[in-house]
Amino acid sequence: MTRTLTNRWWTAAILAAACGVVGGCTTREIPQADVVGGKLKAVREEILRVVPDARRQAQLRQAVDRMERELDDFDRSISALSTASSALNADPDASRAQFQELVDRFESRIRPIRERVTRAHFDLLALTTADEWKSIARHERDALEAAGQIK
């Protein structure tokens, strides 16, 4: 009995840590993609407002589109983790190793996503002047916060 409680405690601790890393495993009233999409729409609108060059506007919109696809993929990964962890947590015979494997798979899935989001961010930065970036950056930050990428 003590061993089962100890395993349960460890698995709960691992899952709690995973949820903390990904920004929480909670049900949302508004779909995350809609919230993030709205924030990225503000980025696109700001690009049109402050960047006078049509060629750079197009390149910046492409970077925002890439970022949006990656953030949607990140959200799907969080949902998959939540579903899998709920199923695993309902299994009284689930081991710590199973929870650890779930967390490891999630981390290996999101690592390249975060790298691609970072690449899109630096593309935005490289394509803007300091004044343009100053106007665009706050909208990008809002989108990344909404997606759980930054706090």
Protein backbone atom coordinates (compact mmCIF):
# COMPACT_ATOMS: atom_id res chain seq x y z
CA MET A 1 0.00 0.00 0.00
CA THR A 2 2.79 2.46 0.91
CA ARG A 3 4.60 1.73 -2.35
CA THR A 4 1.43 2.41 -4.35
CA LEU A 5 0.91 5.73 -2.55
CA THR A 6 4.56 6.66 -3.13
CA ASN A 7 4.24 5.85 -6.85
CA ARG A 8 1.03 7.86 -7.03
CA TRP A 9 2.73 10.79 -5.33
CA TRP A 10 5.64 10.70 -7.78
CA THR A 11 3.41 10.39 -10.79
CA ALA A 12 1.25 13.26 -9.58
CA ALA A 13 4.37 15.37 -9.01
CA ILE A 14 5.67 14.64 -12.51
CA LEU A 15 2.32 15.47 -14.08
CA ALA A 16 2.04 18.66 -12.05
CA ALA A 17 5.51 19.69 -13.21
CA ALA A 18 4.58 18.96 -16.82
CA CYS A 19 1.44 21.03 -16.54
CA GLY A 20 3.44 23.87 -15.05
CA VAL A 21 5.92 23.71 -17.90
CA VAL A 22 3.24 23.90 -20.57
CA GLY A 23 1.21 26.63 -18.95
CA GLY A 24 -1.46 24.48 -17.38
CA CYS A 25 -3.73 21.61 -18.34
CA THR A 26 -7.08 23.29 -18.02
CA THR A 27 -10.27 23.40 -19.98
CA ARG A 28 -10.74 26.66 -21.82
CA GLU A 29 -14.01 28.45 -22.56
CA ILE A 30 -12.60 30.07 -25.73
CA PRO A 31 -10.47 27.81 -27.92
CA GLN A 32 -6.79 28.66 -27.50
CA ALA A 33 -6.30 28.90 -31.26
CA ASP A 34 -8.96 31.64 -31.39
CA VAL A 35 -7.32 33.63 -28.60
CA VAL A 36 -3.86 33.34 -30.13
CA GLY A 37 -5.27 33.96 -33.61
CA GLY A 38 -6.81 37.21 -32.41
CA LYS A 39 -3.52 38.32 -30.92
CA LEU A 40 -1.65 37.46 -34.12
CA LYS A 41 -4.26 39.37 -36.11
CA ALA A 42 -3.19 42.42 -34.10
CA VAL A 43 0.44 41.70 -35.11
CA ARG A 44 -0.57 41.56 -38.77
CA GLU A 45 -2.55 44.79 -38.49
CA GLU A 46 0.37 46.53 -36.81
CA ILE A 47 2.70 45.35 -39.58
CA LEU A 48 0.39 46.92 -42.17
CA ARG A 49 0.22 50.11 -40.13
CA VAL A 50 3.93 50.66 -39.44
CA VAL A 51 5.86 48.94 -42.25
CA PRO A 52 5.68 51.02 -45.44
CA ASP A 53 7.42 48.52 -47.74
CA ALA A 54 5.04 45.99 -49.37
CA ARG A 55 7.82 43.42 -49.89
CA ARG A 56 8.77 43.44 -46.20
CA GLN A 57 5.10 43.40 -45.21
CA ALA A 58 4.67 40.19 -47.19
CA GLN A 59 7.77 38.62 -45.61
CA LEU A 60 6.61 39.65 -42.14
CA ARG A 61 3.13 38.19 -42.74
CA GLN A 62 4.75 34.92 -43.82
CA ALA A 63 6.75 34.84 -40.57
CA VAL A 64 3.57 35.51 -38.55
CA ASP A 65 1.76 32.75 -40.48
CA ARG A 66 4.58 30.31 -39.66
CA MET A 67 4.45 31.35 -36.02
CA GLU A 68 0.69 30.81 -35.93
CA ARG A 69 1.00 27.30 -37.38
CA GLU A 70 3.63 26.43 -34.77
CA LEU A 71 1.59 27.87 -31.91
CA ASP A 72 -1.43 25.86 -33.09
CA ASP A 73 0.77 22.76 -33.10
CA PHE A 74 1.94 23.63 -29.58
CA ASP A 75 -1.69 23.92 -28.43
CA ARG A 76 -2.51 20.53 -29.96
CA SER A 77 0.49 19.06 -28.13
CA ILE A 78 -0.78 20.45 -24.83
CA SER A 79 -4.23 19.00 -25.49
CA ALA A 80 -2.71 15.62 -26.32
CA LEU A 81 -0.66 15.72 -23.10
CA SER A 82 -3.74 16.58 -21.08
CA THR A 83 -5.75 13.75 -22.61
CA ALA A 84 -2.96 11.21 -22.23
CA SER A 85 -2.16 12.24 -18.67
CA SER A 86 -5.83 12.01 -17.66
CA ALA A 87 -6.05 8.52 -19.10
CA LEU A 88 -2.82 7.49 -17.43
CA ASN A 89 -3.83 9.02 -14.12
CA ALA A 90 -7.07 7.02 -14.20
CA ASP A 91 -5.07 3.81 -14.40
CA PRO A 92 -4.35 2.61 -10.85
CA ASP A 93 -1.49 0.48 -12.17
CA ALA A 94 0.25 3.33 -14.01
CA SER A 95 3.89 3.57 -13.09
CA ARG A 96 6.16 6.53 -12.58
CA ALA A 97 8.07 5.42 -15.66
CA GLN A 98 4.91 5.69 -17.77
CA PHE A 99 4.35 9.25 -16.60
CA GLN A 100 7.99 10.08 -17.19
CA GLU A 101 7.79 8.65 -20.70
CA LEU A 102 4.70 10.78 -21.36
CA VAL A 103 6.48 13.92 -20.19
CA ASP A 104 9.61 13.05 -22.17
CA ARG A 105 7.59 12.51 -25.36
CA PHE A 106 5.85 15.84 -24.82
CA GLU A 107 9.11 17.67 -24.24
CA SER A 108 10.68 16.12 -27.34
CA ARG A 109 7.59 17.17 -29.34
CA ILE A 110 7.56 20.80 -28.19
CA ARG A 111 11.30 21.47 -28.33
CA PRO A 112 11.39 21.80 -32.15
CA ILE A 113 8.14 23.78 -32.07
CA ARG A 114 9.69 26.31 -29.71
CA GLU A 115 12.78 26.48 -31.91
CA ARG A 116 10.62 27.27 -34.95
CA VAL A 117 8.64 29.89 -33.02
CA THR A 118 11.93 31.47 -31.97
CA ARG A 119 13.13 31.42 -35.57
CA ALA A 120 9.93 33.18 -36.70
CA HIS A 121 10.44 35.76 -33.94
CA PHE A 122 13.98 36.50 -35.12
CA ASP A 123 12.74 36.71 -38.72
CA LEU A 124 10.27 39.38 -37.61
CA LEU A 125 13.02 41.21 -35.78
CA ALA A 126 15.43 41.06 -38.71
CA LEU A 127 12.85 42.40 -41.17
CA THR A 128 11.91 45.48 -39.14
CA THR A 129 13.56 48.73 -38.17
CA ALA A 130 13.93 49.56 -34.48
CA ASP A 131 10.90 51.88 -34.58
CA GLU A 132 8.78 49.35 -36.47
CA TRP A 133 9.74 46.60 -34.05
CA LYS A 134 8.91 48.79 -31.07
CA SER A 135 5.32 49.01 -32.34
CA ILE A 136 5.02 45.35 -33.36
CA ALA A 137 6.79 43.73 -30.39
CA ARG A 138 4.07 44.29 -27.80
CA HIS A 139 1.50 42.57 -30.02
CA GLU A 140 3.83 39.62 -30.60
CA ARG A 141 4.47 39.40 -26.85
CA ASP A 142 0.70 39.31 -26.22
CA ALA A 143 0.33 36.46 -28.71
CA LEU A 144 3.19 34.47 -27.19
CA GLU A 145 1.80 35.01 -23.69
CA ALA A 146 -1.64 33.85 -24.83
CA ALA A 147 -0.05 30.73 -26.32
CA GLY A 148 1.80 29.95 -23.09
CA GLN A 149 5.23 30.46 -24.66
CA ILE A 150 6.28 33.25 -22.31
CA LYS A 151 5.08 34.73 -19.04
